[in-house]
């Protein structure tokens, strides 16, 4: 069974509940953030955004870096 990478660094033995969408490391529910990514279909200029975004599990480190980089 895969272990949570962040818990391991904290000296805790916890099983992961998933993997980060971006970096792929194992993460438990404590170290997980959910990002909702918009989905578009079609090609330009005739594309539309779907009403429901896709939820993605992201580790805290990737979430912090993505949000920081996206707004800089």
Protein backbone atom coordinates (compact mmCIF):
# COMPACT_ATOMS: atom_id res chain seq x y z
CA UNK A 1 0.00 0.00 0.00
CA UNK A 2 1.25 3.48 -0.80
CA UNK A 3 2.05 5.80 2.11
CA UNK A 4 1.41 9.54 2.34
CA UNK A 5 4.62 11.32 1.36
CA UNK A 6 3.97 14.41 3.51
CA UNK A 7 3.08 12.33 6.58
CA UNK A 8 6.28 10.33 6.10
CA UNK A 9 8.28 13.58 6.16
CA UNK A 10 6.50 14.47 9.44
CA UNK A 11 7.43 11.07 10.95
CA UNK A 12 3.86 9.72 10.80
CA UNK A 13 2.94 6.39 9.21
CA UNK A 14 -0.29 7.04 7.26
CA UNK A 15 -1.67 5.41 4.15
CA UNK A 16 -2.42 7.57 1.14
CA UNK A 17 -5.97 7.93 -0.11
CA UNK A 18 -4.93 9.14 -3.54
CA UNK A 19 -2.19 10.69 -5.63
CA UNK A 20 -1.53 14.30 -6.55
CA UNK A 21 -2.72 15.03 -10.09
CA UNK A 22 0.36 17.12 -10.86
CA UNK A 23 3.39 15.56 -9.11
CA UNK A 24 1.99 12.05 -8.47
CA UNK A 25 3.05 11.66 -4.85
CA UNK A 26 0.81 9.73 -2.46
CA UNK A 27 -1.36 11.96 -0.27
CA UNK A 28 -3.75 11.38 2.62
CA UNK A 29 -6.95 13.37 3.20
CA UNK A 30 -5.13 15.68 5.61
CA UNK A 31 -2.63 16.74 2.92
CA UNK A 32 -5.11 16.96 0.03
CA UNK A 33 -6.74 19.95 -1.58
CA UNK A 34 -9.41 19.66 -4.24
CA UNK A 35 -9.09 21.91 -7.28
CA UNK A 36 -11.92 22.15 -9.76
CA UNK A 37 -10.62 22.50 -13.30
CA UNK A 38 -12.92 23.96 -15.97
CA UNK A 39 -13.72 21.82 -19.00
CA UNK A 40 -14.24 23.19 -22.50
CA UNK A 41 -15.44 21.27 -25.56
CA UNK A 42 -15.22 22.11 -29.24
CA UNK A 43 -12.68 24.12 -31.17
CA UNK A 44 -12.16 27.86 -31.48
CA UNK A 45 -14.28 29.88 -32.19
CA UNK A 46 -17.10 27.40 -31.51
CA UNK A 47 -16.20 26.07 -28.09
CA UNK A 48 -18.16 26.21 -24.88
CA UNK A 49 -17.36 25.64 -21.24
CA UNK A 50 -19.22 22.79 -19.58
CA UNK A 51 -21.24 23.71 -16.47
CA UNK A 52 -19.56 21.18 -14.14
CA UNK A 53 -15.80 21.39 -13.57
CA UNK A 54 -13.61 18.32 -12.97
CA UNK A 55 -12.48 17.86 -9.36
CA UNK A 56 -8.79 16.98 -9.03
CA UNK A 57 -6.82 15.93 -5.94
CA UNK A 58 -3.74 18.08 -5.43
CA UNK A 59 -1.08 18.04 -2.70
CA UNK A 60 -0.67 21.20 -0.62
CA UNK A 61 2.72 21.99 -2.16
CA UNK A 62 1.46 21.83 -5.76
CA UNK A 63 -1.72 23.76 -4.88
CA UNK A 64 0.29 26.54 -3.24
CA UNK A 65 2.72 26.74 -6.17
CA UNK A 66 0.02 26.61 -8.86
CA UNK A 67 -2.05 29.31 -7.22
CA UNK A 68 1.01 31.51 -6.64
CA UNK A 69 2.31 31.06 -10.20
CA UNK A 70 -1.08 31.61 -11.79
CA UNK A 71 -1.58 35.01 -10.19
CA UNK A 72 1.96 36.42 -10.37
